[in-house]
PDB file of N, CA and C in Angstrom:
ATOM      1  N   MET A   1       0.842  -1.191   0.000  1.00  0.00           N
ATOM      2  CA  MET A   1       0.000   0.000   0.000  1.00  0.00           C
ATOM      3  C   MET A   1       0.882   1.248   0.000  1.00  0.00           C
ATOM      4  N   ASP A   2       0.495   2.251  -0.767  1.00  0.00           N
ATOM      5  CA  ASP A   2       1.247   3.502  -0.864  1.00  0.00           C
ATOM      6  C   ASP A   2       0.904   4.386   0.325  1.00  0.00           C
ATOM      7  N   HIS A   3       1.863   4.605   1.215  1.00  0.00           N
ATOM      8  CA  HIS A   3       1.616   5.389   2.419  1.00  0.00           C
ATOM      9  C   HIS A   3       1.674   6.894   2.165  1.00  0.00           C
ATOM     10  N   THR A   4       2.100   7.312   0.972  1.00  0.00           N
ATOM     11  CA  THR A   4       2.169   8.743   0.690  1.00  0.00           C
ATOM     12  C   THR A   4       0.826   9.312   0.289  1.00  0.00           C
ATOM     13  N   SER A   5      -0.091   8.456  -0.181  1.00  0.00           N
ATOM     14  CA  SER A   5      -1.399   8.981  -0.580  1.00  0.00           C
ATOM     15  C   SER A   5      -2.287   9.131   0.650  1.00  0.00           C
ATOM     16  N   GLU A   6      -3.069  10.178   0.653  1.00  0.00           N
ATOM     17  CA  GLU A   6      -3.973  10.453   1.763  1.00  0.00           C
ATOM     18  C   GLU A   6      -5.369  10.002   1.376  1.00  0.00           C
ATOM     19  N   PRO A   7      -6.199   9.649   2.360  1.00  0.00           N
ATOM     20  CA  PRO A   7      -7.568   9.259   2.027  1.00  0.00           C
ATOM     21  C   PRO A   7      -8.330  10.435   1.441  1.00  0.00           C
ATOM     22  N   LEU A   8      -9.275  10.125   0.564  1.00  0.00           N
ATOM     23  CA  LEU A   8     -10.090  11.180  -0.035  1.00  0.00           C
ATOM     24  C   LEU A   8     -10.987  11.793   1.027  1.00  0.00           C
ATOM     25  N   PRO A   9     -11.201  13.103   0.964  1.00  0.00           N
ATOM     26  CA  PRO A   9     -12.111  13.729   1.934  1.00  0.00           C
ATOM     27  C   PRO A   9     -13.538  13.256   1.703  1.00  0.00           C
ATOM     28  N   LYS A  10     -14.402  13.478   2.683  1.00  0.00           N
ATOM     29  CA  LYS A  10     -15.795  13.041   2.591  1.00  0.00           C
ATOM     30  C   LYS A  10     -16.495  13.617   1.367  1.00  0.00           C
ATOM     31  N   ILE A  11     -16.050  14.778   0.913  1.00  0.00           N
ATOM     32  CA  ILE A  11     -16.689  15.419  -0.237  1.00  0.00           C
ATOM     33  C   ILE A  11     -16.710  14.487  -1.450  1.00  0.00           C
ATOM     34  N   PHE A  12     -15.682  13.652  -1.612  1.00  0.00           N
ATOM     35  CA  PHE A  12     -15.615  12.745  -2.746  1.00  0.00           C
ATOM     36  C   PHE A  12     -16.489  11.519  -2.541  1.00  0.00           C
ATOM     37  N   LEU A  13     -16.782  11.195  -1.308  1.00  0.00           N
ATOM     38  CA  LEU A  13     -17.521   9.990  -0.998  1.00  0.00           C
ATOM     39  C   LEU A  13     -19.010  10.234  -0.867  1.00  0.00           C
ATOM     40  N   ASN A  14     -19.422  11.480  -0.814  1.00  0.00           N
ATOM     41  CA  ASN A  14     -20.810  11.834  -0.610  1.00  0.00           C
ATOM     42  C   ASN A  14     -21.431  12.226  -1.947  1.00  0.00           C
ATOM     43  N   GLY A  15     -22.198  11.325  -2.539  1.00  0.00           N
ATOM     44  CA  GLY A  15     -22.799  11.579  -3.838  1.00  0.00           C
ATOM     45  C   GLY A  15     -23.864  12.661  -3.822  1.00  0.00           C
ATOM     46  N   SER A  16     -24.350  13.026  -2.647  1.00  0.00           N
ATOM     47  CA  SER A  16     -25.388  14.054  -2.569  1.00  0.00           C
ATOM     48  C   SER A  16     -24.804  15.427  -2.277  1.00  0.00           C
ATOM     49  N   PHE A  17     -23.492  15.567  -2.346  1.00  0.00           N
ATOM     50  CA  PHE A  17     -22.847  16.848  -2.072  1.00  0.00           C
ATOM     51  C   PHE A  17     -23.267  17.877  -3.117  1.00  0.00           C
ATOM     52  N   ILE A  18     -23.652  19.056  -2.663  1.00  0.00           N
ATOM     53  CA  ILE A  18     -23.999  20.164  -3.555  1.00  0.00           C
ATOM     54  C   ILE A  18     -23.015  21.294  -3.281  1.00  0.00           C
ATOM     55  N   PRO A  19     -22.254  21.731  -4.303  1.00  0.00           N
ATOM     56  CA  PRO A  19     -21.256  22.782  -4.066  1.00  0.00           C
ATOM     57  C   PRO A  19     -21.916  24.134  -3.822  1.00  0.00           C
ATOM     58  N   ALA A  20     -21.218  24.985  -3.112  1.00  0.00           N
ATOM     59  CA  ALA A  20     -21.685  26.362  -2.914  1.00  0.00           C
ATOM     60  C   ALA A  20     -21.480  27.120  -4.218  1.00  0.00           C
ATOM     61  N   LEU A  21     -22.515  27.764  -4.689  1.00  0.00           N
ATOM     62  CA  LEU A  21     -22.433  28.511  -5.945  1.00  0.00           C
ATOM     63  C   LEU A  21     -22.278  29.997  -5.661  1.00  0.00           C
ATOM     64  N   HIS A  22     -21.495  30.644  -6.492  1.00  0.00           N
ATOM     65  CA  HIS A  22     -21.368  32.091  -6.443  1.00  0.00           C
ATOM     66  C   HIS A  22     -21.969  32.611  -7.741  1.00  0.00           C
ATOM     67  N   ALA A  23     -22.878  33.558  -7.648  1.00  0.00           N
ATOM     68  CA  ALA A  23     -23.559  34.068  -8.833  1.00  0.00           C
ATOM     69  C   ALA A  23     -23.226  35.539  -9.046  1.00  0.00           C
ATOM     70  N   TYR A  24     -23.097  35.905 -10.315  1.00  0.00           N
ATOM     71  CA  TYR A  24     -22.762  37.266 -10.717  1.00  0.00           C
ATOM     72  C   TYR A  24     -23.652  37.650 -11.889  1.00  0.00           C
ATOM     73  N   GLU A  25     -24.008  38.930 -11.976  1.00  0.00           N
ATOM     74  CA  GLU A  25     -24.745  39.415 -13.138  1.00  0.00           C
ATOM     75  C   GLU A  25     -23.765  40.121 -14.057  1.00  0.00           C
ATOM     76  N   TYR A  26     -23.865  39.832 -15.347  1.00  0.00           N
ATOM     77  CA  TYR A  26     -22.975  40.437 -16.336  1.00  0.00           C
ATOM     78  C   TYR A  26     -23.736  40.613 -17.639  1.00  0.00           C
ATOM     79  N   ARG A  27     -23.905  41.861 -18.048  1.00  0.00           N
ATOM     80  CA  ARG A  27     -24.534  42.214 -19.319  1.00  0.00           C
ATOM     81  C   ARG A  27     -25.904  41.555 -19.509  1.00  0.00           C
ATOM     82  N   GLY A  28     -26.666  41.481 -18.412  1.00  0.00           N
ATOM     83  CA  GLY A  28     -28.006  40.925 -18.479  1.00  0.00           C
ATOM     84  C   GLY A  28     -28.080  39.414 -18.291  1.00  0.00           C
ATOM     85  N   TYR A  29     -26.974  38.760 -18.119  1.00  0.00           N
ATOM     86  CA  TYR A  29     -26.917  37.311 -17.879  1.00  0.00           C
ATOM     87  C   TYR A  29     -26.485  37.062 -16.440  1.00  0.00           C
ATOM     88  N   ILE A  30     -26.793  35.878 -15.938  1.00  0.00           N
ATOM     89  CA  ILE A  30     -26.359  35.456 -14.612  1.00  0.00           C
ATOM     90  C   ILE A  30     -25.280  34.393 -14.805  1.00  0.00           C
ATOM     91  N   ILE A  31     -24.171  34.543 -14.094  1.00  0.00           N
ATOM     92  CA  ILE A  31     -23.069  33.578 -14.143  1.00  0.00           C
ATOM     93  C   ILE A  31     -22.977  32.915 -12.777  1.00  0.00           C
ATOM     94  N   ALA A  32     -23.014  31.589 -12.746  1.00  0.00           N
ATOM     95  CA  ALA A  32     -22.827  30.830 -11.507  1.00  0.00           C
ATOM     96  C   ALA A  32     -21.546  30.007 -11.652  1.00  0.00           C
ATOM     97  N   THR A  33     -20.686  30.053 -10.652  1.00  0.00           N
ATOM     98  CA  THR A  33     -19.419  29.328 -10.724  1.00  0.00           C
ATOM     99  C   THR A  33     -19.175  28.516  -9.460  1.00  0.00           C
ATOM    100  N   TRP A  34     -18.389  27.485  -9.611  1.00  0.00           N
ATOM    101  CA  TRP A  34     -17.890  26.716  -8.474  1.00  0.00           C
ATOM    102  C   TRP A  34     -16.643  25.969  -8.900  1.00  0.00           C
ATOM    103  N   ALA A  35     -15.963  25.434  -7.914  1.00  0.00           N
ATOM    104  CA  ALA A  35     -14.735  24.668  -8.142  1.00  0.00           C
ATOM    105  C   ALA A  35     -15.016  23.216  -7.783  1.00  0.00           C
ATOM    106  N   ARG A  36     -14.951  22.330  -8.782  1.00  0.00           N
ATOM    107  CA  ARG A  36     -15.212  20.905  -8.551  1.00  0.00           C
ATOM    108  C   ARG A  36     -13.919  20.202  -8.134  1.00  0.00           C
ATOM    109  N   PRO A  37     -13.877  19.600  -6.953  1.00  0.00           N
ATOM    110  CA  PRO A  37     -12.655  18.904  -6.514  1.00  0.00           C
ATOM    111  C   PRO A  37     -12.348  17.710  -7.414  1.00  0.00           C
ATOM    112  N   GLU A  38     -11.104  17.586  -7.805  1.00  0.00           N
ATOM    113  CA  GLU A  38     -10.661  16.460  -8.634  1.00  0.00           C
ATOM    114  C   GLU A  38      -9.708  15.552  -7.857  1.00  0.00           C
ATOM    115  N   SER A  39      -8.960  16.137  -6.938  1.00  0.00           N
ATOM    116  CA  SER A  39      -8.048  15.397  -6.075  1.00  0.00           C
ATOM    117  C   SER A  39      -7.830  16.253  -4.832  1.00  0.00           C
ATOM    118  N   MET A  40      -6.889  15.867  -4.009  1.00  0.00           N
ATOM    119  CA  MET A  40      -6.656  16.614  -2.765  1.00  0.00           C
ATOM    120  C   MET A  40      -6.258  18.067  -3.008  1.00  0.00           C
ATOM    121  N   ASN A  41      -5.589  18.359  -4.105  1.00  0.00           N
ATOM    122  CA  ASN A  41      -5.099  19.727  -4.318  1.00  0.00           C
ATOM    123  C   ASN A  41      -5.380  20.252  -5.726  1.00  0.00           C
ATOM    124  N   ARG A  42      -6.348  19.705  -6.423  1.00  0.00           N
ATOM    125  CA  ARG A  42      -6.693  20.176  -7.757  1.00  0.00           C
ATOM    126  C   ARG A  42      -8.202  20.332  -7.872  1.00  0.00           C
ATOM    127  N   LEU A  43      -8.627  21.450  -8.469  1.00  0.00           N
ATOM    128  CA  LEU A  43     -10.044  21.742  -8.646  1.00  0.00           C
ATOM    129  C   LEU A  43     -10.293  22.183 -10.082  1.00  0.00           C
ATOM    130  N   THR A  44     -11.403  21.738 -10.637  1.00  0.00           N
ATOM    131  CA  THR A  44     -11.794  22.133 -11.985  1.00  0.00           C
ATOM    132  C   THR A  44     -12.756  23.305 -11.917  1.00  0.00           C
ATOM    133  N   SER A  45     -12.564  24.244 -12.806  1.00  0.00           N
ATOM    134  CA  SER A  45     -13.434  25.398 -12.921  1.00  0.00           C
ATOM    135  C   SER A  45     -14.714  25.000 -13.650  1.00  0.00           C
ATOM    136  N   ILE A  46     -15.863  25.223 -13.012  1.00  0.00           N
ATOM    137  CA  ILE A  46     -17.166  24.938 -13.614  1.00  0.00           C
ATOM    138  C   ILE A  46     -17.995  26.221 -13.552  1.00  0.00           C
ATOM    139  N   ALA A  47     -18.646  26.548 -14.652  1.00  0.00           N
ATOM    140  CA  ALA A  47     -19.460  27.762 -14.682  1.00  0.00           C
ATOM    141  C   ALA A  47     -20.666  27.561 -15.598  1.00  0.00           C
ATOM    142  N   ILE A  48     -21.752  28.211 -15.253  1.00  0.00           N
ATOM    143  CA  ILE A  48     -22.972  28.152 -16.062  1.00  0.00           C
ATOM    144  C   ILE A  48     -23.473  29.567 -16.292  1.00  0.00           C
ATOM    145  N   VAL A  49     -23.864  29.837 -17.533  1.00  0.00           N
ATOM    146  CA  VAL A  49     -24.470  31.114 -17.899  1.00  0.00           C
ATOM    147  C   VAL A  49     -25.979  30.887 -18.002  1.00  0.00           C
ATOM    148  N   TYR A  50     -26.738  31.748 -17.325  1.00  0.00           N
ATOM    149  CA  TYR A  50     -28.200  31.700 -17.370  1.00  0.00           C
ATOM    150  C   TYR A  50     -28.721  32.976 -18.012  1.00  0.00           C
ATOM    151  N   ARG A  51     -29.857  32.856 -18.678  1.00  0.00           N
ATOM    152  CA  ARG A  51     -30.567  34.018 -19.203  1.00  0.00           C
ATOM    153  C   ARG A  51     -31.986  33.956 -18.662  1.00  0.00           C
ATOM    154  N   ARG A  52     -32.654  35.077 -18.649  1.00  0.00           N
ATOM    155  CA  ARG A  52     -34.045  35.107 -18.181  1.00  0.00           C
ATOM    156  C   ARG A  52     -34.989  34.939 -19.369  1.00  0.00           C
ATOM    157  N   ASP A  53     -36.047  34.163 -19.162  1.00  0.00           N
ATOM    158  CA  ASP A  53     -37.059  34.051 -20.206  1.00  0.00           C
ATOM    159  C   ASP A  53     -38.064  35.194 -20.043  1.00  0.00           C
ATOM    160  N   GLN A  54     -39.113  35.191 -20.846  1.00  0.00           N
ATOM    161  CA  GLN A  54     -40.084  36.289 -20.831  1.00  0.00           C
ATOM    162  C   GLN A  54     -40.825  36.418 -19.505  1.00  0.00           C
ATOM    163  N   LEU A  55     -40.912  35.324 -18.758  1.00  0.00           N
ATOM    164  CA  LEU A  55     -41.611  35.358 -17.469  1.00  0.00           C
ATOM    165  C   LEU A  55     -40.654  35.581 -16.301  1.00  0.00           C
ATOM    166  N   GLY A  56     -39.368  35.704 -16.590  1.00  0.00           N
ATOM    167  CA  GLY A  56     -38.393  35.967 -15.544  1.00  0.00           C
ATOM    168  C   GLY A  56     -37.682  34.746 -14.992  1.00  0.00           C
ATOM    169  N   SER A  57     -38.049  33.549 -15.480  1.00  0.00           N
ATOM    170  CA  SER A  57     -37.370  32.335 -15.027  1.00  0.00           C
ATOM    171  C   SER A  57     -35.961  32.268 -15.614  1.00  0.00           C
ATOM    172  N   LEU A  58     -35.059  31.627 -14.881  1.00  0.00           N
ATOM    173  CA  LEU A  58     -33.691  31.463 -15.368  1.00  0.00           C
ATOM    174  C   LEU A  58     -33.596  30.200 -16.224  1.00  0.00           C
ATOM    175  N   ILE A  59     -32.998  30.356 -17.398  1.00  0.00           N
ATOM    176  CA  ILE A  59     -32.799  29.266 -18.343  1.00  0.00           C
ATOM    177  C   ILE A  59     -31.300  29.113 -18.574  1.00  0.00           C
ATOM    178  N   GLN A  60     -30.815  27.883 -18.493  1.00  0.00           N
ATOM    179  CA  GLN A  60     -29.385  27.663 -18.741  1.00  0.00           C
ATOM    180  C   GLN A  60     -29.074  27.915 -20.207  1.00  0.00           C
ATOM    181  N   ALA A  61     -28.110  28.791 -20.465  1.00  0.00           N
ATOM    182  CA  ALA A  61     -27.704  29.114 -21.823  1.00  0.00           C
ATOM    183  C   ALA A  61     -26.413  28.396 -22.207  1.00  0.00           C
ATOM    184  N   LYS A  62     -25.509  28.211 -21.249  1.00  0.00           N
ATOM    185  CA  LYS A  62     -24.212  27.597 -21.553  1.00  0.00           C
ATOM    186  C   LYS A  62     -23.595  27.049 -20.271  1.00  0.00           C
ATOM    187  N   ARG A  63     -23.004  25.856 -20.355  1.00  0.00           N
ATOM    188  CA  ARG A  63     -22.228  25.265 -19.254  1.00  0.00           C
ATOM    189  C   ARG A  63     -20.798  25.143 -19.742  1.00  0.00           C
ATOM    190  N   ILE A  64     -19.870  25.637 -18.946  1.00  0.00           N
ATOM    191  CA  ILE A  64     -18.471  25.651 -19.341  1.00  0.00           C
ATOM    192  C   ILE A  64     -17.644  24.931 -18.283  1.00  0.00           C
ATOM    193  N   VAL A  65     -16.841  23.969 -18.728  1.00  0.00           N
ATOM    194  CA  VAL A  65     -15.892  23.284 -17.853  1.00  0.00           C
ATOM    195  C   VAL A  65     -14.511  23.799 -18.225  1.00  0.00           C
ATOM    196  N   GLY A  66     -13.836  24.372 -17.230  1.00  0.00           N
ATOM    197  CA  GLY A  66     -12.535  24.988 -17.493  1.00  0.00           C
ATOM    198  C   GLY A  66     -11.377  24.087 -17.125  1.00  0.00           C
ATOM    199  N   ASP A  67     -10.298  24.712 -16.726  1.00  0.00           N
ATOM    200  CA  ASP A  67      -9.044  24.034 -16.434  1.00  0.00           C
ATOM    201  C   ASP A  67      -8.946  23.630 -14.972  1.00  0.00           C
ATOM    202  N   LEU A  68      -7.860  22.932 -14.646  1.00  0.00           N
ATOM    203  CA  LEU A  68      -7.552  22.557 -13.270  1.00  0.00           C
ATOM    204  C   LEU A  68      -6.754  23.654 -12.584  1.00  0.00           C
ATOM    205  N   PHE A  69      -7.062  23.883 -11.304  1.00  0.00           N
ATOM    206  CA  PHE A  69      -6.362  24.892 -10.512  1.00  0.00           C
ATOM    207  C   PHE A  69      -6.057  24.338  -9.130  1.00  0.00           C
ATOM    208  N   GLU A  70      -5.159  25.020  -8.451  1.00  0.00           N
ATOM    209  CA  GLU A  70      -4.786  24.601  -7.104  1.00  0.00           C
ATOM    210  C   GLU A  70      -5.629  25.245  -6.020  1.00  0.00           C
ATOM    211  N   SER A  71      -6.356  26.312  -6.364  1.00  0.00           N
ATOM    212  CA  SER A  71      -7.195  26.959  -5.354  1.00  0.00           C
ATOM    213  C   SER A  71      -8.613  27.152  -5.883  1.00  0.00           C
ATOM    214  N   LYS A  72      -9.542  27.156  -4.936  1.00  0.00           N
ATOM    215  CA  LYS A  72     -10.955  27.376  -5.250  1.00  0.00           C
ATOM    216  C   LYS A  72     -11.154  28.741  -5.906  1.00  0.00           C
ATOM    217  N   GLU A  73     -10.487  29.750  -5.382  1.00  0.00           N
ATOM    218  CA  GLU A  73     -10.624  31.110  -5.908  1.00  0.00           C
ATOM    219  C   GLU A  73     -10.138  31.203  -7.354  1.00  0.00           C
ATOM    220  N   GLN A  74      -9.008  30.586  -7.655  1.00  0.00           N
ATOM    221  CA  GLN A  74      -8.487  30.601  -9.028  1.00  0.00           C
ATOM    222  C   GLN A  74      -9.474  29.926  -9.979  1.00  0.00           C
ATOM    223  N   ALA A  75      -9.998  28.781  -9.578  1.00  0.00           N
ATOM    224  CA  ALA A  75     -10.939  28.046 -10.421  1.00  0.00           C
ATOM    225  C   ALA A  75     -12.197  28.874 -10.677  1.00  0.00           C
ATOM    226  N   GLU A  76     -12.737  29.481  -9.640  1.00  0.00           N
ATOM    227  CA  GLU A  76     -13.955  30.271  -9.807  1.00  0.00           C
ATOM    228  C   GLU A  76     -13.712  31.504 -10.665  1.00  0.00           C
ATOM    229  N   GLN A  77     -12.605  32.197 -10.458  1.00  0.00           N
ATOM    230  CA  GLN A  77     -12.290  33.377 -11.278  1.00  0.00           C
ATOM    231  C   GLN A  77     -12.113  32.998 -12.737  1.00  0.00           C
ATOM    232  N   HIS A  78     -11.506  31.844 -12.987  1.00  0.00           N
ATOM    233  CA  HIS A  78     -11.336  31.363 -14.355  1.00  0.00           C
ATOM    234  C   HIS A  78     -12.703  31.119 -14.997  1.00  0.00           C
ATOM    235  N   GLY A  79     -13.623  30.509 -14.243  1.00  0.00           N
ATOM    236  CA  GLY A  79     -14.968  30.269 -14.760  1.00  0.00           C
ATOM    237  C   GLY A  79     -15.691  31.554 -15.098  1.00  0.00           C
ATOM    238  N   ILE A  80     -15.546  32.561 -14.251  1.00  0.00           N
ATOM    239  CA  ILE A  80     -16.166  33.864 -14.516  1.00  0.00           C
ATOM    240  C   ILE A  80     -15.614  34.447 -15.811  1.00  0.00           C
ATOM    241  N   GLY A  81     -14.305  34.386 -15.964  1.00  0.00           N
ATOM    242  CA  GLY A  81     -13.670  34.916 -17.177  1.00  0.00           C
ATOM    243  C   GLY A  81     -14.146  34.202 -18.429  1.00  0.00           C
ATOM    244  N   LEU A  82     -14.251  32.875 -18.382  1.00  0.00           N
ATOM    245  CA  LEU A  82     -14.732  32.117 -19.543  1.00  0.00           C
ATOM    246  C   LEU A  82     -16.165  32.487 -19.894  1.00  0.00           C
ATOM    247  N   CYS A  83     -17.007  32.665 -18.878  1.00  0.00           N
ATOM    248  CA  CYS A  83     -18.399  33.032 -19.129  1.00  0.00           C
ATOM    249  C   CYS A  83     -18.521  34.442 -19.704  1.00  0.00           C
ATOM    250  N   LYS A  84     -17.751  35.373 -19.154  1.00  0.00           N
ATOM    251  CA  LYS A  84     -17.789  36.745 -19.687  1.00  0.00           C
ATOM    252  C   LYS A  84     -17.356  36.763 -21.147  1.00  0.00           C
ATOM    253  N   GLU A  85     -16.341  35.990 -21.477  1.00  0.00           N
ATOM    254  CA  GLU A  85     -15.874  35.910 -22.864  1.00  0.00           C
ATOM    255  C   GLU A  85     -16.961  35.327 -23.760  1.00  0.00           C
ATOM    256  N   TRP A  86     -17.640  34.272 -23.294  1.00  0.00           N
ATOM    257  CA  TRP A  86     -18.707  33.651 -24.075  1.00  0.00           C
ATOM    258  C   TRP A  86     -19.852  34.640 -24.293  1.00  0.00           C
ATOM    259  N   ILE A  87     -20.245  35.357 -23.238  1.00  0.00           N
ATOM    260  CA  ILE A  87     -21.325  36.348 -23.339  1.00  0.00           C
ATOM    261  C   ILE A  87     -20.930  37.467 -24.296  1.00  0.00           C
ATOM    262  N   ASP A  88     -19.717  37.980 -24.170  1.00  0.00           N
ATOM    263  CA  ASP A  88     -19.255  39.046 -25.058  1.00  0.00           C
ATOM    264  C   ASP A  88     -19.296  38.597 -26.519  1.00  0.00           C
ATOM    265  N   ASN A  89     -18.843  37.375 -26.788  1.00  0.00           N
ATOM    266  CA  ASN A  89     -18.867  36.854 -28.156  1.00  0.00           C
ATOM    267  C   ASN A  89     -20.293  36.692 -28.661  1.00  0.00           C
ATOM    268  N   LEU A  90     -21.196  36.227 -27.807  1.00  0.00           N
ATOM    269  CA  LEU A  90     -22.594  36.059 -28.183  1.00  0.00           C
ATOM    270  C   LEU A  90     -23.224  37.404 -28.525  1.00  0.00           C
ATOM    271  N   ILE A  91     -22.990  38.393 -27.679  1.00  0.00           N
ATOM    272  CA  ILE A  91     -23.555  39.724 -27.919  1.00  0.00           C
ATOM    273  C   ILE A  91     -22.961  40.335 -29.189  1.00  0.00           C
ATOM    274  N   GLU A  92     -21.665  40.151 -29.377  1.00  0.00           N
ATOM    275  CA  GLU A  92     -21.013  40.670 -30.593  1.00  0.00           C
ATOM    276  C   GLU A  92     -21.602  40.026 -31.843  1.00  0.00           C
ATOM    277  N   LEU A  93     -21.810  38.731 -31.817  1.00  0.00           N
ATOM    278  CA  LEU A  93     -22.408  38.048 -32.970  1.00  0.00           C
ATOM    279  C   LEU A  93     -23.820  38.539 -33.230  1.00  0.00           C
ATOM    280  N   ASN A  94     -24.596  38.737 -32.170  1.00  0.00           N
ATOM    281  CA  ASN A  94     -25.981  39.202 -32.331  1.00  0.00           C
ATOM    282  C   ASN A  94     -26.055  40.627 -32.853  1.00  0.00           C
ATOM    283  N   THR A  95     -25.085  41.478 -32.522  1.00  0.00           N
ATOM    284  CA  THR A  95     -25.117  42.857 -33.021  1.00  0.00           C
ATOM    285  C   THR A  95     -24.556  42.955 -34.426  1.00  0.00           C
ATOM    286  N   GLU A  96     -23.689  42.037 -34.814  1.00  0.00           N
ATOM    287  CA  GLU A  96     -23.124  42.039 -36.171  1.00  0.00           C
ATOM    288  C   GLU A  96     -24.085  41.434 -37.174  1.00  0.00           C
ATOM    289  N   GLN A  97     -24.914  40.488 -36.776  1.00  0.00           N
ATOM    290  CA  GLN A  97     -25.799  39.763 -37.684  1.00  0.00           C
ATOM    291  C   GLN A  97     -26.690  40.694 -38.513  1.00  0.00           C
ATOM    292  N   PRO A  98     -27.404  41.676 -37.928  1.00  0.00           N
ATOM    293  CA  PRO A  98     -28.247  42.551 -38.752  1.00  0.00           C
ATOM    294  C   PRO A  98     -27.441  43.356 -39.767  1.00  0.00           C
ATOM    295  N   GLN A  99     -26.241  43.782 -39.414  1.00  0.00           N
ATOM    296  CA  GLN A  99     -25.412  44.554 -40.330  1.00  0.00           C
ATOM    297  C   GLN A  99     -24.998  43.710 -41.525  1.00  0.00           C
ATOM    298  N   ARG A 100     -24.690  42.433 -41.314  1.00  0.00           N
ATOM    299  CA  ARG A 100     -24.324  41.543 -42.418  1.00  0.00           C
ATOM    300  C   ARG A 100     -25.504  41.364 -43.364  1.00  0.00           C
ATOM    301  N   ASN A 101     -26.723  41.227 -42.775  1.00  0.00           N
ATOM    302  CA  ASN A 101     -27.909  41.047 -43.610  1.00  0.00           C
ATOM    303  C   ASN A 101     -28.158  42.287 -44.468  1.00  0.00           C
ATOM    304  N   LYS A 102     -27.937  43.478 -43.904  1.00  0.00           N
ATOM    305  CA  LYS A 102     -28.134  44.704 -44.668  1.00  0.00           C
ATOM    306  C   LYS A 102     -27.114  44.824 -45.795  1.00  0.00           C
ATOM    307  N   ALA A 103     -25.892  44.384 -45.529  1.00  0.00           N
ATOM    308  CA  ALA A 103     -24.830  44.503 -46.517  1.00  0.00           C
ATOM    309  C   ALA A 103     -25.079  43.553 -47.693  1.00  0.00           C
ATOM    310  N   THR A 104     -25.704  42.404 -47.444  1.00  0.00           N
ATOM    311  CA  THR A 104     -25.913  41.445 -48.506  1.00  0.00           C
ATOM    312  C   THR A 104     -27.244  41.656 -49.216  1.00  0.00           C
ATOM    313  N   ALA A 105     -28.089  42.510 -48.635  1.00  0.00           N
ATOM    314  CA  ALA A 105     -29.414  42.731 -49.250  1.00  0.00           C
ATOM    315  C   ALA A 105     -29.333  43.653 -50.436  1.00  0.00           C
TER     316      ALA A 105
END
């Protein structure tokens, strides 16, 4: 048996574990992020972009799985950055689309 490895924390053994989410509003969208534990010292950046429907309910627009990090804060900040980039690209595409249609008409 390898004595250098440590037992996994309870978080890995509890299938009903729900991570704490941090939510941010950006350009009319809601971004929720968390850090998913992968090992004792590595966490994956997870983020979801939500939009509101006509009745005000939140609808998932995009789920992004990022890179591995050594700290929860790094993973969450990375997720926020990925979501902001995705939202910016989406908005840019939506504002360019009508101009392209006018140019080809």
